[in-house]
């Protein structure tokens, strides 16, 4: 009996995230199981203000560095064979993946 698997992906690089999603989509198309997603979740923005050097006695100058974290959720009805194939997916270093069986 197939179980439901919820795959959560997040990364600061959208291109690497799309690459992993396309690999998952290829596995799903090849095996013929049902898939919902990828559902984009709100992008998280981390902003860090840093004082420019040298600031000395004059006006303070600030630089703002920003990092965006993009998240996606995919729901699939997976059996053991599909889950084994998902474990072999090449995941770049900056993409984090979490698989939860429901």
PDB file of N, CA and C in Angstrom:
ATOM      1  N   UNK A   1       0.840  -1.175   0.000  1.00  0.00           N
ATOM      2  CA  UNK A   1       0.000   0.000   0.000  1.00  0.00           C
ATOM      3  C   UNK A   1       0.887   1.240   0.000  1.00  0.00           C
ATOM      4  N   UNK A   2       0.684   2.146  -0.946  1.00  0.00           N
ATOM      5  CA  UNK A   2       1.535   3.330  -0.995  1.00  0.00           C
ATOM      6  C   UNK A   2       1.226   4.283   0.151  1.00  0.00           C
ATOM      7  N   UNK A   3       2.277   4.861   0.688  1.00  0.00           N
ATOM      8  CA  UNK A   3       2.133   5.853   1.746  1.00  0.00           C
ATOM      9  C   UNK A   3       2.371   7.235   1.155  1.00  0.00           C
ATOM     10  N   UNK A   4       1.998   8.233   1.902  1.00  0.00           N
ATOM     11  CA  UNK A   4       2.233   9.602   1.459  1.00  0.00           C
ATOM     12  C   UNK A   4       3.563  10.077   2.029  1.00  0.00           C
ATOM     13  N   UNK A   5       4.315  10.756   1.189  1.00  0.00           N
ATOM     14  CA  UNK A   5       5.584  11.333   1.620  1.00  0.00           C
ATOM     15  C   UNK A   5       5.528  12.828   1.355  1.00  0.00           C
ATOM     16  N   UNK A   6       5.913  13.600   2.351  1.00  0.00           N
ATOM     17  CA  UNK A   6       6.001  15.055   2.203  1.00  0.00           C
ATOM     18  C   UNK A   6       7.484  15.415   2.185  1.00  0.00           C
ATOM     19  N   UNK A   7       7.896  16.043   1.083  1.00  0.00           N
ATOM     20  CA  UNK A   7       9.296  16.418   0.898  1.00  0.00           C
ATOM     21  C   UNK A   7       9.389  17.926   1.055  1.00  0.00           C
ATOM     22  N   UNK A   8      10.194  18.361   2.010  1.00  0.00           N
ATOM     23  CA  UNK A   8      10.429  19.792   2.212  1.00  0.00           C
ATOM     24  C   UNK A   8      11.835  20.111   1.733  1.00  0.00           C
ATOM     25  N   UNK A   9      11.937  21.138   0.901  1.00  0.00           N
ATOM     26  CA  UNK A   9      13.223  21.565   0.353  1.00  0.00           C
ATOM     27  C   UNK A   9      13.419  23.039   0.671  1.00  0.00           C
ATOM     28  N   UNK A  10      14.647  23.422   1.033  1.00  0.00           N
ATOM     29  CA  UNK A  10      14.936  24.841   1.194  1.00  0.00           C
ATOM     30  C   UNK A  10      16.390  25.106   0.848  1.00  0.00           C
ATOM     31  N   UNK A  11      16.624  26.302   0.304  1.00  0.00           N
ATOM     32  CA  UNK A  11      17.958  26.678  -0.151  1.00  0.00           C
ATOM     33  C   UNK A  11      18.028  28.184  -0.336  1.00  0.00           C
ATOM     34  N   UNK A  12      19.243  28.706  -0.340  1.00  0.00           N
ATOM     35  CA  UNK A  12      19.440  30.122  -0.639  1.00  0.00           C
ATOM     36  C   UNK A  12      19.655  30.321  -2.138  1.00  0.00           C
ATOM     37  N   UNK A  13      19.854  29.228  -2.881  1.00  0.00           N
ATOM     38  CA  UNK A  13      20.083  29.299  -4.322  1.00  0.00           C
ATOM     39  C   UNK A  13      18.880  28.681  -5.048  1.00  0.00           C
ATOM     40  N   UNK A  14      18.138  29.499  -5.792  1.00  0.00           N
ATOM     41  CA  UNK A  14      16.921  29.031  -6.463  1.00  0.00           C
ATOM     42  C   UNK A  14      17.241  28.030  -7.571  1.00  0.00           C
ATOM     43  N   UNK A  15      18.345  28.240  -8.289  1.00  0.00           N
ATOM     44  CA  UNK A  15      18.682  27.345  -9.404  1.00  0.00           C
ATOM     45  C   UNK A  15      18.965  25.928  -8.916  1.00  0.00           C
ATOM     46  N   UNK A  16      19.704  25.788  -7.807  1.00  0.00           N
ATOM     47  CA  UNK A  16      19.969  24.456  -7.258  1.00  0.00           C
ATOM     48  C   UNK A  16      18.681  23.811  -6.750  1.00  0.00           C
ATOM     49  N   UNK A  17      17.806  24.622  -6.180  1.00  0.00           N
ATOM     50  CA  UNK A  17      16.523  24.109  -5.691  1.00  0.00           C
ATOM     51  C   UNK A  17      15.678  23.586  -6.852  1.00  0.00           C
ATOM     52  N   UNK A  18      15.641  24.314  -7.945  1.00  0.00           N
ATOM     53  CA  UNK A  18      14.895  23.889  -9.131  1.00  0.00           C
ATOM     54  C   UNK A  18      15.505  22.630  -9.734  1.00  0.00           C
ATOM     55  N   UNK A  19      16.833  22.506  -9.700  1.00  0.00           N
ATOM     56  CA  UNK A  19      17.518  21.318 -10.204  1.00  0.00           C
ATOM     57  C   UNK A  19      17.068  20.070  -9.445  1.00  0.00           C
ATOM     58  N   UNK A  20      17.000  20.138  -8.127  1.00  0.00           N
ATOM     59  CA  UNK A  20      16.583  18.983  -7.317  1.00  0.00           C
ATOM     60  C   UNK A  20      15.110  18.667  -7.569  1.00  0.00           C
ATOM     61  N   UNK A  21      14.274  19.705  -7.691  1.00  0.00           N
ATOM     62  CA  UNK A  21      12.843  19.495  -7.959  1.00  0.00           C
ATOM     63  C   UNK A  21      12.644  18.810  -9.305  1.00  0.00           C
ATOM     64  N   UNK A  22      13.422  19.200 -10.315  1.00  0.00           N
ATOM     65  CA  UNK A  22      13.314  18.555 -11.629  1.00  0.00           C
ATOM     66  C   UNK A  22      13.739  17.091 -11.577  1.00  0.00           C
ATOM     67  N   UNK A  23      14.737  16.762 -10.762  1.00  0.00           N
ATOM     68  CA  UNK A  23      15.131  15.359 -10.600  1.00  0.00           C
ATOM     69  C   UNK A  23      14.016  14.555  -9.947  1.00  0.00           C
ATOM     70  N   UNK A  24      13.362  15.129  -8.931  1.00  0.00           N
ATOM     71  CA  UNK A  24      12.256  14.438  -8.266  1.00  0.00           C
ATOM     72  C   UNK A  24      11.097  14.265  -9.238  1.00  0.00           C
ATOM     73  N   UNK A  25      10.816  15.301 -10.032  1.00  0.00           N
ATOM     74  CA  UNK A  25       9.735  15.234 -11.008  1.00  0.00           C
ATOM     75  C   UNK A  25      10.007  14.155 -12.060  1.00  0.00           C
ATOM     76  N   UNK A  26      11.274  13.985 -12.463  1.00  0.00           N
ATOM     77  CA  UNK A  26      11.625  12.951 -13.438  1.00  0.00           C
ATOM     78  C   UNK A  26      11.367  11.556 -12.870  1.00  0.00           C
ATOM     79  N   UNK A  27      11.689  11.350 -11.598  1.00  0.00           N
ATOM     80  CA  UNK A  27      11.440  10.056 -10.952  1.00  0.00           C
ATOM     81  C   UNK A  27       9.937   9.791 -10.888  1.00  0.00           C
ATOM     82  N   UNK A  28       9.164  10.809 -10.526  1.00  0.00           N
ATOM     83  CA  UNK A  28       7.712  10.663 -10.415  1.00  0.00           C
ATOM     84  C   UNK A  28       7.097  10.363 -11.779  1.00  0.00           C
ATOM     85  N   UNK A  29       7.546  11.049 -12.829  1.00  0.00           N
ATOM     86  CA  UNK A  29       7.009  10.795 -14.171  1.00  0.00           C
ATOM     87  C   UNK A  29       7.358   9.392 -14.658  1.00  0.00           C
ATOM     88  N   UNK A  30       8.559   8.940 -14.325  1.00  0.00           N
ATOM     89  CA  UNK A  30       9.000   7.621 -14.770  1.00  0.00           C
ATOM     90  C   UNK A  30       8.225   6.505 -14.071  1.00  0.00           C
ATOM     91  N   UNK A  31       7.928   6.687 -12.785  1.00  0.00           N
ATOM     92  CA  UNK A  31       7.235   5.634 -12.041  1.00  0.00           C
ATOM     93  C   UNK A  31       5.717   5.737 -12.151  1.00  0.00           C
ATOM     94  N   UNK A  32       5.200   6.913 -12.500  1.00  0.00           N
ATOM     95  CA  UNK A  32       3.767   7.053 -12.693  1.00  0.00           C
ATOM     96  C   UNK A  32       2.964   7.236 -11.420  1.00  0.00           C
ATOM     97  N   UNK A  33       3.559   7.726 -10.356  1.00  0.00           N
ATOM     98  CA  UNK A  33       2.813   7.977  -9.121  1.00  0.00           C
ATOM     99  C   UNK A  33       2.290   9.413  -9.133  1.00  0.00           C
ATOM    100  N   UNK A  34       1.372   9.711  -8.220  1.00  0.00           N
ATOM    101  CA  UNK A  34       0.793  11.054  -8.182  1.00  0.00           C
ATOM    102  C   UNK A  34       1.673  11.992  -7.363  1.00  0.00           C
ATOM    103  N   UNK A  35       1.681  13.270  -7.791  1.00  0.00           N
ATOM    104  CA  UNK A  35       2.529  14.266  -7.136  1.00  0.00           C
ATOM    105  C   UNK A  35       1.767  15.579  -7.046  1.00  0.00           C
ATOM    106  N   UNK A  36       1.855  16.243  -5.906  1.00  0.00           N
ATOM    107  CA  UNK A  36       1.322  17.598  -5.738  1.00  0.00           C
ATOM    108  C   UNK A  36       2.485  18.523  -5.441  1.00  0.00           C
ATOM    109  N   UNK A  37       2.604  19.557  -6.227  1.00  0.00           N
ATOM    110  CA  UNK A  37       3.668  20.516  -5.954  1.00  0.00           C
ATOM    111  C   UNK A  37       4.586  20.656  -7.134  1.00  0.00           C
ATOM    112  N   UNK A  38       5.636  21.354  -7.024  1.00  0.00           N
ATOM    113  CA  UNK A  38       6.162  21.974  -5.807  1.00  0.00           C
ATOM    114  C   UNK A  38       5.353  23.204  -5.408  1.00  0.00           C
ATOM    115  N   UNK A  39       4.997  23.270  -4.136  1.00  0.00           N
ATOM    116  CA  UNK A  39       4.236  24.384  -3.594  1.00  0.00           C
ATOM    117  C   UNK A  39       5.240  25.372  -2.998  1.00  0.00           C
ATOM    118  N   UNK A  40       5.320  26.596  -3.544  1.00  0.00           N
ATOM    119  CA  UNK A  40       6.270  27.565  -2.985  1.00  0.00           C
ATOM    120  C   UNK A  40       5.749  28.145  -1.675  1.00  0.00           C
ATOM    121  N   UNK A  41       6.591  28.114  -0.673  1.00  0.00           N
ATOM    122  CA  UNK A  41       6.268  28.731   0.610  1.00  0.00           C
ATOM    123  C   UNK A  41       6.887  30.128   0.642  1.00  0.00           C
ATOM    124  N   UNK A  42       6.477  30.981   1.571  1.00  0.00           N
ATOM    125  CA  UNK A  42       7.032  32.344   1.598  1.00  0.00           C
ATOM    126  C   UNK A  42       8.553  32.342   1.751  1.00  0.00           C
ATOM    127  N   UNK A  43       9.190  33.237   0.996  1.00  0.00           N
ATOM    128  CA  UNK A  43      10.645  33.362   1.034  1.00  0.00           C
ATOM    129  C   UNK A  43      11.044  34.129   2.281  1.00  0.00           C
ATOM    130  N   UNK A  44      12.014  33.599   2.996  1.00  0.00           N
ATOM    131  CA  UNK A  44      12.486  34.238   4.216  1.00  0.00           C
ATOM    132  C   UNK A  44      13.689  35.109   3.882  1.00  0.00           C
ATOM    133  N   UNK A  45      13.656  36.350   4.315  1.00  0.00           N
ATOM    134  CA  UNK A  45      14.755  37.275   4.058  1.00  0.00           C
ATOM    135  C   UNK A  45      15.513  37.535   5.348  1.00  0.00           C
ATOM    136  N   UNK A  46      16.809  37.252   5.340  1.00  0.00           N
ATOM    137  CA  UNK A  46      17.669  37.555   6.470  1.00  0.00           C
ATOM    138  C   UNK A  46      18.523  38.749   6.069  1.00  0.00           C
ATOM    139  N   UNK A  47      18.395  39.854   6.801  1.00  0.00           N
ATOM    140  CA  UNK A  47      19.109  41.075   6.469  1.00  0.00           C
ATOM    141  C   UNK A  47      20.040  41.437   7.620  1.00  0.00           C
ATOM    142  N   UNK A  48      21.308  41.716   7.291  1.00  0.00           N
ATOM    143  CA  UNK A  48      22.302  42.053   8.299  1.00  0.00           C
ATOM    144  C   UNK A  48      22.905  43.411   7.953  1.00  0.00           C
ATOM    145  N   UNK A  49      22.691  44.445   8.791  1.00  0.00           N
ATOM    146  CA  UNK A  49      23.342  45.728   8.548  1.00  0.00           C
ATOM    147  C   UNK A  49      24.759  45.712   9.130  1.00  0.00           C
ATOM    148  N   UNK A  50      25.720  46.172   8.332  1.00  0.00           N
ATOM    149  CA  UNK A  50      27.127  46.191   8.753  1.00  0.00           C
ATOM    150  C   UNK A  50      27.666  47.597   8.524  1.00  0.00           C
ATOM    151  N   UNK A  51      28.389  48.118   9.516  1.00  0.00           N
ATOM    152  CA  UNK A  51      28.955  49.444   9.381  1.00  0.00           C
ATOM    153  C   UNK A  51      30.173  49.411   8.466  1.00  0.00           C
ATOM    154  N   UNK A  52      30.213  50.329   7.489  1.00  0.00           N
ATOM    155  CA  UNK A  52      31.346  50.389   6.561  1.00  0.00           C
ATOM    156  C   UNK A  52      32.567  50.940   7.290  1.00  0.00           C
ATOM    157  N   UNK A  53      33.699  50.398   6.964  1.00  0.00           N
ATOM    158  CA  UNK A  53      34.944  50.897   7.537  1.00  0.00           C
ATOM    159  C   UNK A  53      35.695  51.685   6.486  1.00  0.00           C
ATOM    160  N   UNK A  54      36.494  52.668   6.782  1.00  0.00           N
ATOM    161  CA  UNK A  54      36.603  53.291   8.100  1.00  0.00           C
ATOM    162  C   UNK A  54      35.512  54.335   8.287  1.00  0.00           C
ATOM    163  N   UNK A  55      34.857  54.322   9.430  1.00  0.00           N
ATOM    164  CA  UNK A  55      33.807  55.302   9.662  1.00  0.00           C
ATOM    165  C   UNK A  55      34.320  56.488  10.462  1.00  0.00           C
ATOM    166  N   UNK A  56      35.391  56.331  11.232  1.00  0.00           N
ATOM    167  CA  UNK A  56      36.059  57.452  11.901  1.00  0.00           C
ATOM    168  C   UNK A  56      35.106  58.310  12.716  1.00  0.00           C
ATOM    169  N   UNK A  57      35.304  59.624  12.645  1.00  0.00           N
ATOM    170  CA  UNK A  57      34.504  60.566  13.426  1.00  0.00           C
ATOM    171  C   UNK A  57      33.322  61.120  12.645  1.00  0.00           C
ATOM    172  N   UNK A  58      33.284  60.883  11.345  1.00  0.00           N
ATOM    173  CA  UNK A  58      32.246  61.480  10.507  1.00  0.00           C
ATOM    174  C   UNK A  58      30.935  60.726  10.570  1.00  0.00           C
ATOM    175  N   UNK A  59      30.200  60.792   9.473  1.00  0.00           N
ATOM    176  CA  UNK A  59      28.903  60.129   9.405  1.00  0.00           C
ATOM    177  C   UNK A  59      29.092  58.617   9.349  1.00  0.00           C
ATOM    178  N   UNK A  60      28.143  57.917   9.895  1.00  0.00           N
ATOM    179  CA  UNK A  60      28.214  56.457   9.862  1.00  0.00           C
ATOM    180  C   UNK A  60      27.585  55.960   8.571  1.00  0.00           C
ATOM    181  N   UNK A  61      28.296  55.117   7.863  1.00  0.00           N
ATOM    182  CA  UNK A  61      27.811  54.529   6.611  1.00  0.00           C
ATOM    183  C   UNK A  61      27.516  53.055   6.869  1.00  0.00           C
ATOM    184  N   UNK A  62      26.393  52.592   6.355  1.00  0.00           N
ATOM    185  CA  UNK A  62      25.968  51.217   6.560  1.00  0.00           C
ATOM    186  C   UNK A  62      25.844  50.475   5.244  1.00  0.00           C
ATOM    187  N   UNK A  63      26.254  49.218   5.254  1.00  0.00           N
ATOM    188  CA  UNK A  63      26.005  48.287   4.149  1.00  0.00           C
ATOM    189  C   UNK A  63      24.978  47.279   4.643  1.00  0.00           C
ATOM    190  N   UNK A  64      24.101  46.854   3.761  1.00  0.00           N
ATOM    191  CA  UNK A  64      23.121  45.838   4.153  1.00  0.00           C
ATOM    192  C   UNK A  64      23.337  44.595   3.305  1.00  0.00           C
ATOM    193  N   UNK A  65      23.593  43.490   3.969  1.00  0.00           N
ATOM    194  CA  UNK A  65      23.736  42.195   3.306  1.00  0.00           C
ATOM    195  C   UNK A  65      22.453  41.429   3.522  1.00  0.00           C
ATOM    196  N   UNK A  66      22.011  40.761   2.453  1.00  0.00           N
ATOM    197  CA  UNK A  66      20.738  40.058   2.518  1.00  0.00           C
ATOM    198  C   UNK A  66      20.880  38.644   1.972  1.00  0.00           C
ATOM    199  N   UNK A  67      20.228  37.709   2.637  1.00  0.00           N
ATOM    200  CA  UNK A  67      20.185  36.334   2.154  1.00  0.00           C
ATOM    201  C   UNK A  67      18.723  35.896   2.130  1.00  0.00           C
ATOM    202  N   UNK A  68      18.293  35.356   1.011  1.00  0.00           N
ATOM    203  CA  UNK A  68      16.921  34.870   0.871  1.00  0.00           C
ATOM    204  C   UNK A  68      16.926  33.351   0.951  1.00  0.00           C
ATOM    205  N   UNK A  69      15.997  32.817   1.731  1.00  0.00           N
ATOM    206  CA  UNK A  69      15.863  31.366   1.849  1.00  0.00           C
ATOM    207  C   UNK A  69      14.548  30.968   1.185  1.00  0.00           C
ATOM    208  N   UNK A  70      14.646  30.206   0.092  1.00  0.00           N
ATOM    209  CA  UNK A  70      13.489  29.780  -0.685  1.00  0.00           C
ATOM    210  C   UNK A  70      13.083  28.382  -0.235  1.00  0.00           C
ATOM    211  N   UNK A  71      11.771  28.170  -0.066  1.00  0.00           N
ATOM    212  CA  UNK A  71      11.263  26.886   0.422  1.00  0.00           C
ATOM    213  C   UNK A  71      10.225  26.342  -0.540  1.00  0.00           C
ATOM    214  N   UNK A  72      10.195  25.016  -0.667  1.00  0.00           N
ATOM    215  CA  UNK A  72       9.202  24.329  -1.493  1.00  0.00           C
ATOM    216  C   UNK A  72       8.730  23.073  -0.749  1.00  0.00           C
ATOM    217  N   UNK A  73       7.487  22.680  -1.014  1.00  0.00           N
ATOM    218  CA  UNK A  73       6.919  21.453  -0.442  1.00  0.00           C
ATOM    219  C   UNK A  73       6.359  20.622  -1.581  1.00  0.00           C
ATOM    220  N   UNK A  74       6.667  19.313  -1.562  1.00  0.00           N
ATOM    221  CA  UNK A  74       6.155  18.377  -2.558  1.00  0.00           C
ATOM    222  C   UNK A  74       5.503  17.216  -1.819  1.00  0.00           C
ATOM    223  N   UNK A  75       4.287  16.864  -2.223  1.00  0.00           N
ATOM    224  CA  UNK A  75       3.587  15.696  -1.664  1.00  0.00           C
ATOM    225  C   UNK A  75       3.514  14.633  -2.748  1.00  0.00           C
ATOM    226  N   UNK A  76       3.965  13.423  -2.422  1.00  0.00           N
ATOM    227  CA  UNK A  76       3.873  12.315  -3.368  1.00  0.00           C
ATOM    228  C   UNK A  76       3.313  11.100  -2.648  1.00  0.00           C
ATOM    229  N   UNK A  77       2.677  10.213  -3.398  1.00  0.00           N
ATOM    230  CA  UNK A  77       2.259   8.929  -2.843  1.00  0.00           C
ATOM    231  C   UNK A  77       3.334   7.927  -3.256  1.00  0.00           C
ATOM    232  N   UNK A  78       4.149   7.550  -2.307  1.00  0.00           N
ATOM    233  CA  UNK A  78       5.357   6.799  -2.635  1.00  0.00           C
ATOM    234  C   UNK A  78       5.332   5.399  -2.032  1.00  0.00           C
ATOM    235  N   UNK A  79       5.869   4.452  -2.785  1.00  0.00           N
ATOM    236  CA  UNK A  79       6.100   3.125  -2.241  1.00  0.00           C
ATOM    237  C   UNK A  79       7.600   2.980  -1.982  1.00  0.00           C
ATOM    238  N   UNK A  80       7.996   1.786  -1.576  1.00  0.00           N
ATOM    239  CA  UNK A  80       9.400   1.570  -1.182  1.00  0.00           C
ATOM    240  C   UNK A  80      10.369   1.758  -2.349  1.00  0.00           C
ATOM    241  N   UNK A  81       9.960   1.354  -3.535  1.00  0.00           N
ATOM    242  CA  UNK A  81      10.832   1.452  -4.718  1.00  0.00           C
ATOM    243  C   UNK A  81      11.108   2.921  -5.061  1.00  0.00           C
ATOM    244  N   UNK A  82      10.067   3.754  -4.990  1.00  0.00           N
ATOM    245  CA  UNK A  82      10.226   5.179  -5.290  1.00  0.00           C
ATOM    246  C   UNK A  82      11.079   5.859  -4.226  1.00  0.00           C
ATOM    247  N   UNK A  83      10.886   5.476  -2.971  1.00  0.00           N
ATOM    248  CA  UNK A  83      11.672   6.086  -1.895  1.00  0.00           C
ATOM    249  C   UNK A  83      13.155   5.760  -2.046  1.00  0.00           C
ATOM    250  N   UNK A  84      13.475   4.563  -2.496  1.00  0.00           N
ATOM    251  CA  UNK A  84      14.885   4.219  -2.746  1.00  0.00           C
ATOM    252  C   UNK A  84      15.477   5.091  -3.839  1.00  0.00           C
ATOM    253  N   UNK A  85      14.690   5.346  -4.883  1.00  0.00           N
ATOM    254  CA  UNK A  85      15.178   6.211  -5.963  1.00  0.00           C
ATOM    255  C   UNK A  85      15.342   7.653  -5.486  1.00  0.00           C
ATOM    256  N   UNK A  86      14.451   8.107  -4.604  1.00  0.00           N
ATOM    257  CA  UNK A  86      14.577   9.463  -4.074  1.00  0.00           C
ATOM    258  C   UNK A  86      15.827   9.619  -3.213  1.00  0.00           C
ATOM    259  N   UNK A  87      16.224   8.556  -2.538  1.00  0.00           N
ATOM    260  CA  UNK A  87      17.430   8.621  -1.704  1.00  0.00           C
ATOM    261  C   UNK A  87      18.693   8.766  -2.557  1.00  0.00           C
ATOM    262  N   UNK A  88      18.624   8.375  -3.824  1.00  0.00           N
ATOM    263  CA  UNK A  88      19.798   8.449  -4.701  1.00  0.00           C
ATOM    264  C   UNK A  88      19.895   9.778  -5.451  1.00  0.00           C
ATOM    265  N   UNK A  89      18.940  10.680  -5.239  1.00  0.00           N
ATOM    266  CA  UNK A  89      18.949  11.970  -5.935  1.00  0.00           C
ATOM    267  C   UNK A  89      20.171  12.777  -5.504  1.00  0.00           C
ATOM    268  N   UNK A  90      20.863  13.352  -6.486  1.00  0.00           N
ATOM    269  CA  UNK A  90      22.032  14.185  -6.182  1.00  0.00           C
ATOM    270  C   UNK A  90      21.548  15.537  -5.667  1.00  0.00           C
ATOM    271  N   UNK A  91      21.933  15.852  -4.437  1.00  0.00           N
ATOM    272  CA  UNK A  91      21.514  17.099  -3.800  1.00  0.00           C
ATOM    273  C   UNK A  91      22.749  17.985  -3.623  1.00  0.00           C
ATOM    274  N   UNK A  92      22.748  19.197  -4.203  1.00  0.00           N
ATOM    275  CA  UNK A  92      23.877  20.105  -4.002  1.00  0.00           C
ATOM    276  C   UNK A  92      24.047  20.469  -2.522  1.00  0.00           C
ATOM    277  N   UNK A  93      25.217  21.009  -2.192  1.00  0.00           N
ATOM    278  CA  UNK A  93      25.539  21.298  -0.794  1.00  0.00           C
ATOM    279  C   UNK A  93      24.604  22.302  -0.144  1.00  0.00           C
ATOM    280  N   UNK A  94      24.149  23.288  -0.900  1.00  0.00           N
ATOM    281  CA  UNK A  94      23.354  24.350  -0.286  1.00  0.00           C
ATOM    282  C   UNK A  94      21.841  24.086  -0.326  1.00  0.00           C
ATOM    283  N   UNK A  95      21.434  22.899  -0.729  1.00  0.00           N
ATOM    284  CA  UNK A  95      20.022  22.518  -0.720  1.00  0.00           C
ATOM    285  C   UNK A  95      19.797  21.532   0.422  1.00  0.00           C
ATOM    286  N   UNK A  96      18.826  21.845   1.253  1.00  0.00           N
ATOM    287  CA  UNK A  96      18.493  20.970   2.378  1.00  0.00           C
ATOM    288  C   UNK A  96      17.167  20.286   2.080  1.00  0.00           C
ATOM    289  N   UNK A  97      17.092  19.004   2.384  1.00  0.00           N
ATOM    290  CA  UNK A  97      15.917  18.213   2.044  1.00  0.00           C
ATOM    291  C   UNK A  97      15.487  17.436   3.275  1.00  0.00           C
ATOM    292  N   UNK A  98      14.174  17.367   3.473  1.00  0.00           N
ATOM    293  CA  UNK A  98      13.609  16.649   4.603  1.00  0.00           C
ATOM    294  C   UNK A  98      12.427  15.836   4.080  1.00  0.00           C
ATOM    295  N   UNK A  99      12.438  14.534   4.322  1.00  0.00           N
ATOM    296  CA  UNK A  99      11.378  13.652   3.832  1.00  0.00           C
ATOM    297  C   UNK A  99      10.611  13.131   5.049  1.00  0.00           C
ATOM    298  N   UNK A 100       9.308  13.334   5.037  1.00  0.00           N
ATOM    299  CA  UNK A 100       8.465  12.889   6.139  1.00  0.00           C
ATOM    300  C   UNK A 100       7.388  11.955   5.596  1.00  0.00           C
ATOM    301  N   UNK A 101       7.274  10.773   6.160  1.00  0.00           N
ATOM    302  CA  UNK A 101       6.238   9.819   5.766  1.00  0.00           C
ATOM    303  C   UNK A 101       4.986  10.069   6.594  1.00  0.00           C
ATOM    304  N   UNK A 102       3.856  10.220   5.890  1.00  0.00           N
ATOM    305  CA  UNK A 102       2.598  10.535   6.577  1.00  0.00           C
ATOM    306  C   UNK A 102       1.695   9.318   6.551  1.00  0.00           C
TER     307      UNK A 102
END
